[in-house]
Amino acid sequence: MPFEPKKLKYRKHHRDRGAAKGIAWRGNEISFGSYGLKAISGGEISSRQIEAARRAITRYVKRTGKIWIRIFPQRVITKKAQEVPMGSGKGVPSGFVAEIRPGRVLFEMDGVSGETAVEALRLAGHKLPVKTKILAK
């Protein structure tokens, strides 16, 4: 069950690969839990990667504690079919990504011991295409 918006204003977006430049000035501190996973590099995280990380955390803590997902994939990504010649317009929407800047808190946890939280967040970090570090409040 990957995350996706309920409705969109526009079916297709410009790619804007420069959006991950600079540092995050919003969502860059732990707000809800006691432990957090913070991005230290920028990039795009797909809805499937967010779900994989969420499942890794949930499985490791055996569904105890509380998890907050601080990012949401709202940018549409399009893809053209294989072996289609250049031109003939933009491809069809194929998924959603969240644009991540360095410093953004991705996940937060509470209600579990420190060692458990660190290990669960470490496992989640391996599922993501950005470099991460673990924070404690």
Protein backbone atom coordinates (compact mmCIF):
# COMPACT_ATOMS: atom_id res chain seq x y z
CA MET A 1 0.00 0.00 0.00
CA PRO A 2 2.28 2.81 -1.19
CA PHE A 3 1.43 6.35 -0.14
CA GLU A 4 -0.14 8.69 -2.69
CA PRO A 5 -2.21 11.87 -2.69
CA LYS A 6 -6.00 11.53 -2.76
CA LYS A 7 -6.31 14.03 -5.59
CA LEU A 8 -4.04 16.19 -7.72
CA LYS A 9 -4.32 19.67 -9.16
CA TYR A 10 -2.16 18.65 -12.13
CA ARG A 11 -1.60 15.17 -13.55
CA LYS A 12 2.05 15.76 -14.43
CA HIS A 13 4.79 17.87 -12.83
CA HIS A 14 8.04 19.33 -14.04
CA ARG A 15 10.90 17.27 -12.64
CA ASP A 16 12.84 20.11 -10.90
CA ARG A 17 15.93 18.16 -9.98
CA GLY A 18 17.40 21.25 -8.31
CA ALA A 19 14.74 21.21 -5.57
CA ALA A 20 16.92 19.11 -3.27
CA LYS A 21 19.64 21.80 -3.16
CA GLY A 22 20.20 23.76 0.02
CA ILE A 23 19.24 22.62 3.49
CA ALA A 24 15.81 21.92 4.95
CA TRP A 25 14.54 24.88 6.93
CA ARG A 26 11.27 23.15 7.79
CA GLY A 27 10.87 19.71 9.36
CA ASN A 28 14.48 19.66 10.48
CA GLU A 29 13.96 19.00 14.21
CA ILE A 30 12.38 16.19 16.21
CA SER A 31 8.84 17.32 17.05
CA PHE A 32 6.82 14.27 18.12
CA GLY A 33 8.98 11.35 19.27
CA SER A 34 12.22 10.83 21.19
CA TYR A 35 14.29 9.36 18.34
CA GLY A 36 14.46 10.38 14.71
CA LEU A 37 15.97 9.50 11.34
CA LYS A 38 17.38 12.57 9.59
CA ALA A 39 18.51 12.89 5.96
CA ILE A 40 22.04 14.23 5.54
CA SER A 41 21.92 14.18 1.74
CA GLY A 42 19.21 15.34 -0.64
CA GLY A 43 17.22 13.42 -3.23
CA GLU A 44 13.88 11.85 -4.02
CA ILE A 45 12.31 9.08 -1.95
CA SER A 46 9.57 7.07 -3.65
CA SER A 47 6.37 6.01 -1.93
CA ARG A 48 7.52 2.38 -2.11
CA GLN A 49 10.78 3.19 -0.35
CA ILE A 50 8.90 5.02 2.42
CA GLU A 51 6.66 1.98 2.85
CA ALA A 52 9.66 -0.39 2.93
CA ALA A 53 11.32 1.71 5.64
CA ARG A 54 8.08 1.88 7.64
CA ARG A 55 7.71 -1.90 7.46
CA ALA A 56 11.33 -2.43 8.55
CA ILE A 57 10.76 -0.27 11.64
CA THR A 58 7.40 -1.86 12.49
CA ARG A 59 8.72 -5.39 12.16
CA TYR A 60 11.80 -4.75 14.28
CA VAL A 61 9.88 -3.17 17.18
CA LYS A 62 7.19 -5.89 16.92
CA ARG A 63 4.42 -3.24 16.58
CA THR A 64 5.19 -1.60 19.93
CA GLY A 65 5.78 2.12 20.40
CA LYS A 66 4.66 4.88 18.06
CA ILE A 67 6.04 5.87 14.66
CA TRP A 68 5.59 9.19 12.85
CA ILE A 69 6.29 9.47 9.12
CA ARG A 70 7.30 13.10 8.57
CA ILE A 71 7.45 13.05 4.75
CA PHE A 72 4.78 12.56 2.11
CA PRO A 73 5.26 11.75 -1.60
CA GLN A 74 3.28 14.39 -3.47
CA ARG A 75 5.35 14.91 -6.62
CA VAL A 76 4.26 12.86 -9.66
CA ILE A 77 6.94 10.96 -11.58
CA THR A 78 6.28 9.99 -15.20
CA LYS A 79 7.89 7.25 -17.24
CA LYS A 80 7.93 6.49 -20.94
CA ALA A 81 7.59 2.92 -22.19
CA GLN A 82 10.67 0.94 -23.24
CA GLU A 83 12.08 1.62 -26.71
CA VAL A 84 9.89 4.65 -27.39
CA PRO A 85 11.59 7.18 -29.69
CA MET A 86 12.43 10.70 -28.50
CA GLY A 87 9.65 13.24 -28.74
CA SER A 88 5.92 12.43 -28.71
CA GLY A 89 5.33 14.13 -25.36
CA LYS A 90 5.78 13.32 -21.70
CA GLY A 91 5.30 9.78 -20.37
CA VAL A 92 2.41 8.49 -18.29
CA PRO A 93 2.40 8.99 -14.48
CA SER A 94 4.15 6.04 -12.84
CA GLY A 95 4.45 6.95 -9.17
CA PHE A 96 5.01 9.57 -6.49
CA VAL A 97 8.13 10.82 -4.75
CA ALA A 98 8.92 13.06 -1.79
CA GLU A 99 11.63 15.65 -2.44
CA ILE A 100 14.14 15.57 0.40
CA ARG A 101 16.65 18.24 1.35
CA PRO A 102 19.58 17.61 3.69
CA GLY A 103 18.50 18.06 7.32
CA ARG A 104 14.92 16.83 6.91
CA VAL A 105 13.60 14.49 9.64
CA LEU A 106 12.07 11.48 7.87
CA PHE A 107 10.80 9.25 10.70
CA GLU A 108 10.31 9.65 14.43
CA MET A 109 9.79 7.04 17.14
CA ASP A 110 8.72 6.92 20.76
CA GLY A 111 7.68 4.32 23.32
CA VAL A 112 10.60 1.91 22.82
CA SER A 113 14.05 1.62 24.41
CA GLY A 114 16.96 3.57 22.98
CA GLU A 115 18.83 0.54 21.60
CA THR A 116 15.68 -0.79 19.93
CA ALA A 117 14.89 2.59 18.35
CA VAL A 118 18.44 3.05 17.05
CA GLU A 119 18.52 -0.40 15.47
CA ALA A 120 15.05 -0.03 13.92
CA LEU A 121 15.95 3.36 12.43
CA ARG A 122 19.28 1.98 11.18
CA LEU A 123 17.42 -0.78 9.32
CA ALA A 124 15.00 1.79 7.87
CA GLY A 125 17.89 3.97 6.71
CA HIS A 126 19.20 1.10 4.57
CA LYS A 127 15.93 1.09 2.60
CA LEU A 128 16.28 4.74 1.59
CA PRO A 129 18.30 6.30 -1.26
CA VAL A 130 19.59 9.20 0.88
CA LYS A 131 22.28 9.15 3.55
CA THR A 132 20.80 9.33 7.03
CA LYS A 133 21.76 9.73 10.67
CA ILE A 134 19.92 8.84 13.87
CA LEU A 135 18.97 11.55 16.38
CA ALA A 136 17.89 11.40 20.01
CA LYS A 137 15.95 14.21 21.67
